[in-house]
PDB file of all heavy atoms in Angstrom:
ATOM      1  N   ASP A   1      -3.259 -18.712   2.554  1.00  0.00           N
ATOM      2  CA  ASP A   1      -2.580 -19.587   3.595  1.00  0.00           C
ATOM      3  C   ASP A   1      -3.467 -19.705   4.827  1.00  0.00           C
ATOM      4  O   ASP A   1      -3.882 -18.703   5.404  1.00  0.00           O
ATOM      5  CB  ASP A   1      -1.182 -18.948   3.942  1.00  0.00           C
ATOM      6  CG  ASP A   1      -0.400 -19.971   4.735  1.00  0.00           C
ATOM      7  OD1 ASP A   1      -0.946 -20.516   5.661  1.00  0.00           O
ATOM      8  OD2 ASP A   1       0.722 -20.115   4.426  1.00  0.00           O
ATOM      9  N   ASP A   2      -3.759 -20.935   5.235  1.00  0.00           N
ATOM     10  CA  ASP A   2      -4.659 -21.172   6.334  1.00  0.00           C
ATOM     11  C   ASP A   2      -4.135 -20.550   7.580  1.00  0.00           C
ATOM     12  O   ASP A   2      -4.937 -19.941   8.381  1.00  0.00           O
ATOM     13  CB  ASP A   2      -4.827 -22.671   6.609  1.00  0.00           C
ATOM     14  CG  ASP A   2      -5.629 -23.393   5.571  1.00  0.00           C
ATOM     15  OD1 ASP A   2      -6.371 -22.680   4.844  1.00  0.00           O
ATOM     16  OD2 ASP A   2      -5.570 -24.598   5.503  1.00  0.00           O
ATOM     17  N   ASP A   3      -2.786 -20.477   7.795  1.00  0.00           N
ATOM     18  CA  ASP A   3      -2.281 -19.871   8.997  1.00  0.00           C
ATOM     19  C   ASP A   3      -2.310 -18.394   8.973  1.00  0.00           C
ATOM     20  O   ASP A   3      -2.262 -17.738  10.076  1.00  0.00           O
ATOM     21  CB  ASP A   3      -0.761 -20.341   9.177  1.00  0.00           C
ATOM     22  CG  ASP A   3      -0.675 -21.867   9.385  1.00  0.00           C
ATOM     23  OD1 ASP A   3      -1.587 -22.416   9.993  1.00  0.00           O
ATOM     24  OD2 ASP A   3       0.337 -22.423   8.941  1.00  0.00           O
ATOM     25  N   LYS A   4      -2.452 -17.844   7.752  1.00  0.00           N
ATOM     26  CA  LYS A   4      -2.402 -16.362   7.635  1.00  0.00           C
ATOM     27  C   LYS A   4      -3.767 -15.726   7.222  1.00  0.00           C
ATOM     28  O   LYS A   4      -3.845 -14.584   6.933  1.00  0.00           O
ATOM     29  CB  LYS A   4      -1.304 -15.908   6.722  1.00  0.00           C
ATOM     30  CG  LYS A   4       0.116 -16.325   7.112  1.00  0.00           C
ATOM     31  CD  LYS A   4       1.143 -15.962   6.044  1.00  0.00           C
ATOM     32  CE  LYS A   4       2.523 -16.451   6.444  1.00  0.00           C
ATOM     33  NZ  LYS A   4       3.499 -16.208   5.436  1.00  0.00           N
ATOM     34  N   LEU A   5      -4.747 -16.626   7.002  1.00  0.00           N
ATOM     35  CA  LEU A   5      -6.007 -16.254   6.461  1.00  0.00           C
ATOM     36  C   LEU A   5      -6.650 -15.125   7.355  1.00  0.00           C
ATOM     37  O   LEU A   5      -6.742 -15.270   8.537  1.00  0.00           O
ATOM     38  CB  LEU A   5      -6.995 -17.454   6.415  1.00  0.00           C
ATOM     39  CG  LEU A   5      -8.228 -17.269   5.576  1.00  0.00           C
ATOM     40  CD1 LEU A   5      -7.867 -17.002   4.099  1.00  0.00           C
ATOM     41  CD2 LEU A   5      -9.138 -18.520   5.638  1.00  0.00           C
ATOM     42  N   GLN A   6      -7.147 -14.081   6.677  1.00  0.00           N
ATOM     43  CA  GLN A   6      -7.848 -13.038   7.317  1.00  0.00           C
ATOM     44  C   GLN A   6      -9.223 -12.959   6.803  1.00  0.00           C
ATOM     45  O   GLN A   6      -9.494 -13.239   5.584  1.00  0.00           O
ATOM     46  CB  GLN A   6      -7.128 -11.739   7.071  1.00  0.00           C
ATOM     47  CG  GLN A   6      -5.707 -11.683   7.629  1.00  0.00           C
ATOM     48  CD  GLN A   6      -5.020 -10.403   7.252  1.00  0.00           C
ATOM     49  OE1 GLN A   6      -5.589  -9.561   6.602  1.00  0.00           O
ATOM     50  NE2 GLN A   6      -3.763 -10.273   7.683  1.00  0.00           N
ATOM     51  N   PRO A   7     -10.299 -12.632   7.679  1.00  0.00           N
ATOM     52  CA  PRO A   7     -11.647 -12.596   7.201  1.00  0.00           C
ATOM     53  C   PRO A   7     -11.971 -11.312   6.388  1.00  0.00           C
ATOM     54  O   PRO A   7     -12.725 -10.479   6.719  1.00  0.00           O
ATOM     55  CB  PRO A   7     -12.472 -12.574   8.462  1.00  0.00           C
ATOM     56  CG  PRO A   7     -11.538 -11.950   9.401  1.00  0.00           C
ATOM     57  CD  PRO A   7     -10.216 -12.391   9.053  1.00  0.00           C
ATOM     58  N   THR A   8     -11.218 -11.185   5.194  1.00  0.00           N
ATOM     59  CA  THR A   8     -11.309 -10.007   4.400  1.00  0.00           C
ATOM     60  C   THR A   8     -12.729  -9.795   3.891  1.00  0.00           C
ATOM     61  O   THR A   8     -13.164  -8.550   4.017  1.00  0.00           O
ATOM     62  CB  THR A   8     -10.328 -10.172   3.191  1.00  0.00           C
ATOM     63  OG1 THR A   8      -9.076 -10.534   3.651  1.00  0.00           O
ATOM     64  CG2 THR A   8     -10.240  -8.825   2.454  1.00  0.00           C
ATOM     65  N   TYR A   9     -13.414 -10.780   3.293  1.00  0.00           N
ATOM     66  CA  TYR A   9     -14.708 -10.412   2.792  1.00  0.00           C
ATOM     67  C   TYR A   9     -15.709 -10.059   3.825  1.00  0.00           C
ATOM     68  O   TYR A   9     -16.621  -9.260   3.590  1.00  0.00           O
ATOM     69  CB  TYR A   9     -15.169 -11.660   1.951  1.00  0.00           C
ATOM     70  CG  TYR A   9     -14.352 -11.829   0.641  1.00  0.00           C
ATOM     71  CD1 TYR A   9     -13.512 -12.983   0.587  1.00  0.00           C
ATOM     72  CD2 TYR A   9     -14.411 -10.964  -0.341  1.00  0.00           C
ATOM     73  CE1 TYR A   9     -12.728 -13.167  -0.525  1.00  0.00           C
ATOM     74  CE2 TYR A   9     -13.646 -11.171  -1.525  1.00  0.00           C
ATOM     75  CZ  TYR A   9     -12.815 -12.195  -1.543  1.00  0.00           C
ATOM     76  OH  TYR A   9     -12.121 -12.415  -2.744  1.00  0.00           O
ATOM     77  N   ILE A  10     -15.646 -10.776   5.002  1.00  0.00           N
ATOM     78  CA  ILE A  10     -16.468 -10.469   6.102  1.00  0.00           C
ATOM     79  C   ILE A  10     -16.286  -9.031   6.569  1.00  0.00           C
ATOM     80  O   ILE A  10     -17.289  -8.261   6.718  1.00  0.00           O
ATOM     81  CB  ILE A  10     -16.330 -11.441   7.303  1.00  0.00           C
ATOM     82  CG1 ILE A  10     -16.666 -12.893   6.881  1.00  0.00           C
ATOM     83  CG2 ILE A  10     -17.202 -11.005   8.458  1.00  0.00           C
ATOM     84  CD1 ILE A  10     -16.349 -13.897   7.889  1.00  0.00           C
ATOM     85  N   GLN A  11     -15.040  -8.612   6.654  1.00  0.00           N
ATOM     86  CA  GLN A  11     -14.768  -7.248   7.086  1.00  0.00           C
ATOM     87  C   GLN A  11     -15.312  -6.195   6.057  1.00  0.00           C
ATOM     88  O   GLN A  11     -15.929  -5.210   6.411  1.00  0.00           O
ATOM     89  CB  GLN A  11     -13.266  -7.022   7.185  1.00  0.00           C
ATOM     90  CG  GLN A  11     -12.689  -7.587   8.528  1.00  0.00           C
ATOM     91  CD  GLN A  11     -11.190  -7.289   8.666  1.00  0.00           C
ATOM     92  OE1 GLN A  11     -10.596  -6.847   7.655  1.00  0.00           O
ATOM     93  NE2 GLN A  11     -10.651  -7.465   9.791  1.00  0.00           N
ATOM     94  N   GLU A  12     -15.140  -6.456   4.766  1.00  0.00           N
ATOM     95  CA  GLU A  12     -15.585  -5.606   3.781  1.00  0.00           C
ATOM     96  C   GLU A  12     -17.122  -5.581   3.749  1.00  0.00           C
ATOM     97  O   GLU A  12     -17.654  -4.501   3.530  1.00  0.00           O
ATOM     98  CB  GLU A  12     -15.077  -6.055   2.390  1.00  0.00           C
ATOM     99  CG  GLU A  12     -13.663  -5.843   2.209  1.00  0.00           C
ATOM    100  CD  GLU A  12     -13.104  -6.265   0.878  1.00  0.00           C
ATOM    101  OE1 GLU A  12     -13.901  -7.006   0.134  1.00  0.00           O
ATOM    102  OE2 GLU A  12     -11.940  -5.981   0.475  1.00  0.00           O
ATOM    103  N   ALA A  13     -17.813  -6.708   4.074  1.00  0.00           N
ATOM    104  CA  ALA A  13     -19.324  -6.699   4.025  1.00  0.00           C
ATOM    105  C   ALA A  13     -19.768  -5.811   5.221  1.00  0.00           C
ATOM    106  O   ALA A  13     -20.778  -5.031   5.076  1.00  0.00           O
ATOM    107  CB  ALA A  13     -19.806  -8.073   4.226  1.00  0.00           C
ATOM    108  N   ILE A  14     -19.059  -5.829   6.334  1.00  0.00           N
ATOM    109  CA  ILE A  14     -19.545  -5.042   7.464  1.00  0.00           C
ATOM    110  C   ILE A  14     -19.076  -3.558   7.269  1.00  0.00           C
ATOM    111  O   ILE A  14     -19.828  -2.674   7.521  1.00  0.00           O
ATOM    112  CB  ILE A  14     -18.966  -5.563   8.759  1.00  0.00           C
ATOM    113  CG1 ILE A  14     -19.409  -7.012   8.990  1.00  0.00           C
ATOM    114  CG2 ILE A  14     -19.269  -4.712   9.928  1.00  0.00           C
ATOM    115  CD1 ILE A  14     -18.748  -7.747  10.179  1.00  0.00           C
ATOM    116  N   SER A  15     -17.844  -3.375   6.911  1.00  0.00           N
ATOM    117  CA  SER A  15     -17.243  -2.029   6.799  1.00  0.00           C
ATOM    118  C   SER A  15     -16.302  -1.941   5.678  1.00  0.00           C
ATOM    119  O   SER A  15     -15.129  -2.281   5.848  1.00  0.00           O
ATOM    120  CB  SER A  15     -16.630  -1.640   8.159  1.00  0.00           C
ATOM    121  OG  SER A  15     -15.977  -0.343   7.992  1.00  0.00           O
ATOM    122  N   PRO A  16     -16.799  -1.721   4.442  1.00  0.00           N
ATOM    123  CA  PRO A  16     -15.994  -1.685   3.263  1.00  0.00           C
ATOM    124  C   PRO A  16     -14.684  -0.814   3.460  1.00  0.00           C
ATOM    125  O   PRO A  16     -14.800   0.271   3.985  1.00  0.00           O
ATOM    126  CB  PRO A  16     -16.799  -1.087   2.182  1.00  0.00           C
ATOM    127  CG  PRO A  16     -18.200  -1.283   2.644  1.00  0.00           C
ATOM    128  CD  PRO A  16     -18.128  -1.185   4.123  1.00  0.00           C
ATOM    129  N   LYS A  17     -13.489  -1.426   3.124  1.00  0.00           N
ATOM    130  CA  LYS A  17     -12.209  -0.599   3.354  1.00  0.00           C
ATOM    131  C   LYS A  17     -11.326  -0.931   2.180  1.00  0.00           C
ATOM    132  O   LYS A  17     -11.093  -2.083   1.874  1.00  0.00           O
ATOM    133  CB  LYS A  17     -11.601  -1.107   4.674  1.00  0.00           C
ATOM    134  CG  LYS A  17     -10.269  -0.415   4.920  1.00  0.00           C
ATOM    135  CD  LYS A  17      -9.662  -0.872   6.206  1.00  0.00           C
ATOM    136  CE  LYS A  17      -8.324  -0.146   6.438  1.00  0.00           C
ATOM    137  NZ  LYS A  17      -7.596  -0.598   7.650  1.00  0.00           N
ATOM    138  N   GLN A  18     -10.838   0.118   1.529  1.00  0.00           N
ATOM    139  CA  GLN A  18      -9.980   0.001   0.431  1.00  0.00           C
ATOM    140  C   GLN A  18      -8.466  -0.005   0.955  1.00  0.00           C
ATOM    141  O   GLN A  18      -8.167   0.780   1.850  1.00  0.00           O
ATOM    142  CB  GLN A  18     -10.113   1.119  -0.515  1.00  0.00           C
ATOM    143  CG  GLN A  18      -9.301   1.027  -1.841  1.00  0.00           C
ATOM    144  CD  GLN A  18      -9.648   2.169  -2.742  1.00  0.00           C
ATOM    145  OE1 GLN A  18      -9.915   3.296  -2.301  1.00  0.00           O
ATOM    146  NE2 GLN A  18      -9.501   1.936  -4.053  1.00  0.00           N
ATOM    147  N   THR A  19      -7.693  -0.847   0.294  1.00  0.00           N
ATOM    148  CA  THR A  19      -6.266  -0.885   0.713  1.00  0.00           C
ATOM    149  C   THR A  19      -5.625   0.442   0.324  1.00  0.00           C
ATOM    150  O   THR A  19      -5.751   0.867  -0.791  1.00  0.00           O
ATOM    151  CB  THR A  19      -5.515  -2.004   0.012  1.00  0.00           C
ATOM    152  OG1 THR A  19      -6.136  -3.239   0.350  1.00  0.00           O
ATOM    153  CG2 THR A  19      -4.071  -2.078   0.437  1.00  0.00           C
ATOM    154  N   THR A  20      -4.966   1.100   1.328  1.00  0.00           N
ATOM    155  CA  THR A  20      -4.397   2.381   1.020  1.00  0.00           C
ATOM    156  C   THR A  20      -2.859   2.233   0.889  1.00  0.00           C
ATOM    157  O   THR A  20      -2.230   1.247   1.207  1.00  0.00           O
ATOM    158  CB  THR A  20      -4.700   3.339   2.181  1.00  0.00           C
ATOM    159  OG1 THR A  20      -3.929   2.949   3.426  1.00  0.00           O
ATOM    160  CG2 THR A  20      -6.107   3.534   2.458  1.00  0.00           C
ATOM    161  N   TYR A  21      -2.246   3.372   0.460  1.00  0.00           N
ATOM    162  CA  TYR A  21      -0.770   3.369   0.283  1.00  0.00           C
ATOM    163  C   TYR A  21      -0.064   3.152   1.635  1.00  0.00           C
ATOM    164  O   TYR A  21       0.893   2.484   1.777  1.00  0.00           O
ATOM    165  CB  TYR A  21      -0.301   4.751  -0.362  1.00  0.00           C
ATOM    166  CG  TYR A  21       1.142   4.830  -0.475  1.00  0.00           C
ATOM    167  CD1 TYR A  21       1.773   4.242  -1.580  1.00  0.00           C
ATOM    168  CD2 TYR A  21       1.910   5.563   0.402  1.00  0.00           C
ATOM    169  CE1 TYR A  21       3.197   4.337  -1.702  1.00  0.00           C
ATOM    170  CE2 TYR A  21       3.282   5.615   0.335  1.00  0.00           C
ATOM    171  CZ  TYR A  21       3.906   4.966  -0.740  1.00  0.00           C
ATOM    172  OH  TYR A  21       5.320   5.191  -0.982  1.00  0.00           O
ATOM    173  N   ASN A  22      -0.684   3.810   2.665  1.00  0.00           N
ATOM    174  CA  ASN A  22      -0.072   3.658   4.010  1.00  0.00           C
ATOM    175  C   ASN A  22      -0.116   2.209   4.501  1.00  0.00           C
ATOM    176  O   ASN A  22       0.757   1.689   5.164  1.00  0.00           O
ATOM    177  CB  ASN A  22      -0.871   4.562   5.008  1.00  0.00           C
ATOM    178  CG  ASN A  22      -0.354   5.983   4.946  1.00  0.00           C
ATOM    179  OD1 ASN A  22       0.714   6.228   4.501  1.00  0.00           O
ATOM    180  ND2 ASN A  22      -1.210   6.914   5.423  1.00  0.00           N
ATOM    181  N   ASP A  23      -1.260   1.472   4.233  1.00  0.00           N
ATOM    182  CA  ASP A  23      -1.414   0.049   4.586  1.00  0.00           C
ATOM    183  C   ASP A  23      -0.200  -0.766   3.989  1.00  0.00           C
ATOM    184  O   ASP A  23       0.405  -1.521   4.558  1.00  0.00           O
ATOM    185  CB  ASP A  23      -2.700  -0.505   4.129  1.00  0.00           C
ATOM    186  CG  ASP A  23      -3.916   0.205   4.871  1.00  0.00           C
ATOM    187  OD1 ASP A  23      -3.663   0.617   5.944  1.00  0.00           O
ATOM    188  OD2 ASP A  23      -5.046   0.233   4.200  1.00  0.00           O
ATOM    189  N   ALA A  24      -0.031  -0.484   2.632  1.00  0.00           N
ATOM    190  CA  ALA A  24       0.997  -1.195   1.925  1.00  0.00           C
ATOM    191  C   ALA A  24       2.374  -0.857   2.486  1.00  0.00           C
ATOM    192  O   ALA A  24       3.175  -1.852   2.646  1.00  0.00           O
ATOM    193  CB  ALA A  24       0.939  -0.814   0.432  1.00  0.00           C
ATOM    194  N   ILE A  25       2.604   0.431   2.738  1.00  0.00           N
ATOM    195  CA  ILE A  25       3.949   0.764   3.217  1.00  0.00           C
ATOM    196  C   ILE A  25       4.219   0.158   4.578  1.00  0.00           C
ATOM    197  O   ILE A  25       5.370  -0.284   4.832  1.00  0.00           O
ATOM    198  CB  ILE A  25       4.017   2.315   3.324  1.00  0.00           C
ATOM    199  CG1 ILE A  25       4.163   2.889   1.987  1.00  0.00           C
ATOM    200  CG2 ILE A  25       5.253   2.808   4.124  1.00  0.00           C
ATOM    201  CD1 ILE A  25       5.418   2.500   1.262  1.00  0.00           C
ATOM    202  N   GLU A  26       3.191   0.094   5.517  1.00  0.00           N
ATOM    203  CA  GLU A  26       3.405  -0.521   6.752  1.00  0.00           C
ATOM    204  C   GLU A  26       3.793  -2.032   6.663  1.00  0.00           C
ATOM    205  O   GLU A  26       4.598  -2.514   7.374  1.00  0.00           O
ATOM    206  CB  GLU A  26       2.155  -0.284   7.593  1.00  0.00           C
ATOM    207  CG  GLU A  26       1.895   1.126   8.119  1.00  0.00           C
ATOM    208  CD  GLU A  26       0.575   1.315   8.821  1.00  0.00           C
ATOM    209  OE1 GLU A  26      -0.081   0.340   9.007  1.00  0.00           O
ATOM    210  OE2 GLU A  26       0.316   2.486   9.123  1.00  0.00           O
ATOM    211  N   MET A  27       3.058  -2.694   5.661  1.00  0.00           N
ATOM    212  CA  MET A  27       3.382  -4.083   5.522  1.00  0.00           C
ATOM    213  C   MET A  27       4.788  -4.217   4.925  1.00  0.00           C
ATOM    214  O   MET A  27       5.551  -5.086   5.371  1.00  0.00           O
ATOM    215  CB  MET A  27       2.373  -4.728   4.611  1.00  0.00           C
ATOM    216  CG  MET A  27       0.975  -4.816   5.210  1.00  0.00           C
ATOM    217  SD  MET A  27      -0.171  -5.614   4.105  1.00  0.00           S
ATOM    218  CE  MET A  27      -1.701  -5.460   5.094  1.00  0.00           C
ATOM    219  N   ILE A  28       5.184  -3.354   3.990  1.00  0.00           N
ATOM    220  CA  ILE A  28       6.483  -3.428   3.364  1.00  0.00           C
ATOM    221  C   ILE A  28       7.550  -3.169   4.458  1.00  0.00           C
ATOM    222  O   ILE A  28       8.576  -3.850   4.469  1.00  0.00           O
ATOM    223  CB  ILE A  28       6.650  -2.386   2.207  1.00  0.00           C
ATOM    224  CG1 ILE A  28       5.775  -2.728   1.018  1.00  0.00           C
ATOM    225  CG2 ILE A  28       8.020  -2.195   1.787  1.00  0.00           C
ATOM    226  CD1 ILE A  28       5.565  -1.721   0.031  1.00  0.00           C
ATOM    227  N   THR A  29       7.275  -2.247   5.316  1.00  0.00           N
ATOM    228  CA  THR A  29       8.209  -1.931   6.377  1.00  0.00           C
ATOM    229  C   THR A  29       8.414  -3.166   7.290  1.00  0.00           C
ATOM    230  O   THR A  29       9.577  -3.471   7.622  1.00  0.00           O
ATOM    231  CB  THR A  29       7.649  -0.788   7.343  1.00  0.00           C
ATOM    232  OG1 THR A  29       7.347   0.375   6.524  1.00  0.00           O
ATOM    233  CG2 THR A  29       8.603  -0.408   8.351  1.00  0.00           C
ATOM    234  N   MET A  30       7.333  -3.857   7.582  1.00  0.00           N
ATOM    235  CA  MET A  30       7.503  -5.083   8.441  1.00  0.00           C
ATOM    236  C   MET A  30       8.304  -6.114   7.793  1.00  0.00           C
ATOM    237  O   MET A  30       9.173  -6.769   8.363  1.00  0.00           O
ATOM    238  CB  MET A  30       6.088  -5.640   8.757  1.00  0.00           C
ATOM    239  CG  MET A  30       6.148  -6.809   9.669  1.00  0.00           C
ATOM    240  SD  MET A  30       4.467  -7.404  10.087  1.00  0.00           S
ATOM    241  CE  MET A  30       3.853  -7.939   8.498  1.00  0.00           C
ATOM    242  N   ILE A  31       8.066  -6.348   6.447  1.00  0.00           N
ATOM    243  CA  ILE A  31       8.744  -7.281   5.628  1.00  0.00           C
ATOM    244  C   ILE A  31      10.298  -6.983   5.553  1.00  0.00           C
ATOM    245  O   ILE A  31      11.175  -7.757   5.785  1.00  0.00           O
ATOM    246  CB  ILE A  31       8.217  -7.453   4.241  1.00  0.00           C
ATOM    247  CG1 ILE A  31       6.797  -8.024   4.328  1.00  0.00           C
ATOM    248  CG2 ILE A  31       9.109  -8.365   3.389  1.00  0.00           C
ATOM    249  CD1 ILE A  31       5.994  -8.012   2.995  1.00  0.00           C
ATOM    250  N   ASP A  32      10.527  -5.639   5.254  1.00  0.00           N
ATOM    251  CA  ASP A  32      11.878  -5.187   5.104  1.00  0.00           C
ATOM    252  C   ASP A  32      12.710  -5.336   6.454  1.00  0.00           C
ATOM    253  O   ASP A  32      13.800  -5.774   6.501  1.00  0.00           O
ATOM    254  CB  ASP A  32      11.920  -3.745   4.671  1.00  0.00           C
ATOM    255  CG  ASP A  32      13.304  -3.163   4.482  1.00  0.00           C
ATOM    256  OD1 ASP A  32      14.013  -3.704   3.674  1.00  0.00           O
ATOM    257  OD2 ASP A  32      13.575  -2.249   5.268  1.00  0.00           O
ATOM    258  N   LYS A  33      11.998  -5.000   7.529  1.00  0.00           N
ATOM    259  CA  LYS A  33      12.566  -5.089   8.860  1.00  0.00           C
ATOM    260  C   LYS A  33      12.907  -6.577   9.211  1.00  0.00           C
ATOM    261  O   LYS A  33      14.010  -6.859   9.673  1.00  0.00           O
ATOM    262  CB  LYS A  33      11.650  -4.514   9.842  1.00  0.00           C
ATOM    263  CG  LYS A  33      12.330  -4.504  11.315  1.00  0.00           C
ATOM    264  CD  LYS A  33      11.355  -3.709  12.308  1.00  0.00           C
ATOM    265  CE  LYS A  33      12.046  -3.584  13.603  1.00  0.00           C
ATOM    266  NZ  LYS A  33      12.512  -4.843  14.271  1.00  0.00           N
ATOM    267  N   GLN A  34      11.956  -7.414   8.873  1.00  0.00           N
ATOM    268  CA  GLN A  34      12.197  -8.817   9.136  1.00  0.00           C
ATOM    269  C   GLN A  34      13.354  -9.455   8.381  1.00  0.00           C
ATOM    270  O   GLN A  34      14.144 -10.228   8.872  1.00  0.00           O
ATOM    271  CB  GLN A  34      10.917  -9.603   8.979  1.00  0.00           C
ATOM    272  CG  GLN A  34       9.804  -9.353   9.951  1.00  0.00           C
ATOM    273  CD  GLN A  34       8.550 -10.054   9.601  1.00  0.00           C
ATOM    274  OE1 GLN A  34       8.340 -10.529   8.486  1.00  0.00           O
ATOM    275  NE2 GLN A  34       7.536 -10.072  10.532  1.00  0.00           N
ATOM    276  N   SER A  35      13.419  -9.025   7.085  1.00  0.00           N
ATOM    277  CA  SER A  35      14.501  -9.517   6.240  1.00  0.00           C
ATOM    278  C   SER A  35      15.837  -9.069   6.618  1.00  0.00           C
ATOM    279  O   SER A  35      16.880  -9.746   6.281  1.00  0.00           O
ATOM    280  CB  SER A  35      14.144  -9.199   4.729  1.00  0.00           C
ATOM    281  OG  SER A  35      14.269  -7.759   4.524  1.00  0.00           O
ATOM    282  N   LYS A  36      15.919  -7.892   7.285  1.00  0.00           N
ATOM    283  CA  LYS A  36      17.255  -7.320   7.564  1.00  0.00           C
ATOM    284  C   LYS A  36      17.589  -7.379   9.053  1.00  0.00           C
ATOM    285  O   LYS A  36      18.696  -6.991   9.445  1.00  0.00           O
ATOM    286  CB  LYS A  36      17.300  -5.852   7.097  1.00  0.00           C
ATOM    287  CG  LYS A  36      17.278  -5.767   5.524  1.00  0.00           C
ATOM    288  CD  LYS A  36      17.453  -4.265   5.182  1.00  0.00           C
ATOM    289  CE  LYS A  36      17.563  -4.175   3.646  1.00  0.00           C
ATOM    290  NZ  LYS A  36      17.748  -2.836   3.217  1.00  0.00           N
ATOM    291  N   ASP A  37      16.651  -7.809   9.842  1.00  0.00           N
ATOM    292  CA  ASP A  37      16.957  -7.827  11.263  1.00  0.00           C
ATOM    293  C   ASP A  37      18.136  -8.673  11.667  1.00  0.00           C
ATOM    294  O   ASP A  37      18.961  -8.373  12.611  1.00  0.00           O
ATOM    295  CB  ASP A  37      15.765  -8.431  12.089  1.00  0.00           C
ATOM    296  CG  ASP A  37      14.807  -7.254  12.462  1.00  0.00           C
ATOM    297  OD1 ASP A  37      15.216  -6.085  12.244  1.00  0.00           O
ATOM    298  OD2 ASP A  37      13.671  -7.527  12.962  1.00  0.00           O
ATOM    299  N   LYS A  38      18.365  -9.799  10.916  1.00  0.00           N
ATOM    300  CA  LYS A  38      19.535 -10.676  11.209  1.00  0.00           C
ATOM    301  C   LYS A  38      20.874  -9.986  10.987  1.00  0.00           C
ATOM    302  O   LYS A  38      21.863 -10.405  11.481  1.00  0.00           O
ATOM    303  CB  LYS A  38      19.468 -11.853  10.267  1.00  0.00           C
ATOM    304  CG  LYS A  38      19.582 -11.656   8.894  1.00  0.00           C
ATOM    305  CD  LYS A  38      19.526 -12.957   8.034  1.00  0.00           C
ATOM    306  CE  LYS A  38      20.829 -13.602   8.057  1.00  0.00           C
ATOM    307  NZ  LYS A  38      20.957 -14.764   7.050  1.00  0.00           N
ATOM    308  N   TYR A  39      20.803  -8.828  10.168  1.00  0.00           N
ATOM    309  CA  TYR A  39      22.046  -8.116   9.929  1.00  0.00           C
ATOM    310  C   TYR A  39      22.267  -6.967  10.895  1.00  0.00           C
ATOM    311  O   TYR A  39      23.255  -6.187  10.709  1.00  0.00           O
ATOM    312  CB  TYR A  39      22.039  -7.576   8.507  1.00  0.00           C
ATOM    313  CG  TYR A  39      21.916  -8.702   7.510  1.00  0.00           C
ATOM    314  CD1 TYR A  39      20.769  -8.867   6.759  1.00  0.00           C
ATOM    315  CD2 TYR A  39      23.010  -9.457   7.175  1.00  0.00           C
ATOM    316  CE1 TYR A  39      20.602  -9.794   5.715  1.00  0.00           C
ATOM    317  CE2 TYR A  39      22.896 -10.579   6.194  1.00  0.00           C
ATOM    318  CZ  TYR A  39      21.684 -10.582   5.565  1.00  0.00           C
ATOM    319  OH  TYR A  39      21.523 -11.628   4.621  1.00  0.00           O
ATOM    320  N   ARG A  40      21.291  -6.780  11.895  1.00  0.00           N
ATOM    321  CA  ARG A  40      21.352  -5.675  12.759  1.00  0.00           C
ATOM    322  C   ARG A  40      21.712  -6.082  14.287  1.00  0.00           C
ATOM    323  O   ARG A  40      21.338  -5.378  15.163  1.00  0.00           O
ATOM    324  CB  ARG A  40      20.065  -4.843  12.660  1.00  0.00           C
ATOM    325  CG  ARG A  40      19.880  -4.166  11.384  1.00  0.00           C
ATOM    326  CD  ARG A  40      18.718  -3.130  11.458  1.00  0.00           C
ATOM    327  NE  ARG A  40      18.573  -2.416  10.242  1.00  0.00           N
ATOM    328  CZ  ARG A  40      17.598  -2.725   9.297  1.00  0.00           C
ATOM    329  NH1 ARG A  40      16.802  -3.783   9.539  1.00  0.00           N
ATOM    330  NH2 ARG A  40      17.473  -2.046   8.207  1.00  0.00           N
ATOM    331  N   LEU A  41      22.222  -7.258  14.409  1.00  0.00           N
ATOM    332  CA  LEU A  41      22.586  -7.714  15.698  1.00  0.00           C
ATOM    333  C   LEU A  41      23.668  -6.868  16.407  1.00  0.00           C
ATOM    334  O   LEU A  41      23.830  -6.692  17.606  1.00  0.00           O
ATOM    335  CB  LEU A  41      22.923  -9.191  15.748  1.00  0.00           C
ATOM    336  CG  LEU A  41      21.793 -10.193  15.131  1.00  0.00           C
ATOM    337  CD1 LEU A  41      22.386 -11.584  15.125  1.00  0.00           C
ATOM    338  CD2 LEU A  41      20.606 -10.090  16.113  1.00  0.00           C
ATOM    339  N   LYS A  42      24.525  -6.279  15.478  1.00  0.00           N
ATOM    340  CA  LYS A  42      25.663  -5.382  15.941  1.00  0.00           C
ATOM    341  C   LYS A  42      25.678  -4.196  15.042  1.00  0.00           C
ATOM    342  O   LYS A  42      25.561  -4.302  13.865  1.00  0.00           O
ATOM    343  CB  LYS A  42      26.971  -6.131  15.951  1.00  0.00           C
ATOM    344  CG  LYS A  42      27.128  -7.314  16.867  1.00  0.00           C
ATOM    345  CD  LYS A  42      28.427  -8.068  16.684  1.00  0.00           C
ATOM    346  CE  LYS A  42      28.490  -9.241  17.524  1.00  0.00           C
ATOM    347  NZ  LYS A  42      29.682 -10.077  17.266  1.00  0.00           N
ATOM    348  N   ASN A  43      25.883  -3.010  15.678  1.00  0.00           N
ATOM    349  CA  ASN A  43      26.007  -1.771  14.895  1.00  0.00           C
ATOM    350  C   ASN A  43      27.342  -1.748  14.193  1.00  0.00           C
ATOM    351  O   ASN A  43      28.245  -2.558  14.584  1.00  0.00           O
ATOM    352  CB  ASN A  43      25.582  -0.550  15.634  1.00  0.00           C
ATOM    353  CG  ASN A  43      26.537  -0.305  16.769  1.00  0.00           C
ATOM    354  OD1 ASN A  43      27.751  -0.498  16.610  1.00  0.00           O
ATOM    355  ND2 ASN A  43      26.022   0.188  17.878  1.00  0.00           N
ATOM    356  N   LYS A  44      27.533  -0.835  13.306  1.00  0.00           N
ATOM    357  CA  LYS A  44      28.834  -0.764  12.577  1.00  0.00           C
ATOM    358  C   LYS A  44      30.010  -0.550  13.530  1.00  0.00           C
ATOM    359  O   LYS A  44      31.123  -1.026  13.217  1.00  0.00           O
ATOM    360  CB  LYS A  44      28.716   0.220  11.445  1.00  0.00           C
ATOM    361  CG  LYS A  44      28.626   1.649  11.798  1.00  0.00           C
ATOM    362  CD  LYS A  44      28.498   2.554  10.502  1.00  0.00           C
ATOM    363  CE  LYS A  44      28.472   4.001  10.876  1.00  0.00           C
ATOM    364  NZ  LYS A  44      28.264   4.900   9.685  1.00  0.00           N
TER     365      LYS A  44
END
């Protein structure tokens, strides 16, 4: 996606970096939070 494009190959050429479990979890956390934020406007 042009709006979300990241210079992944340039970064890897300069400083190779493997995607870790923590990276994945942080992204999942962000997605999960965004998907459920609309249901957290009021606590129970």
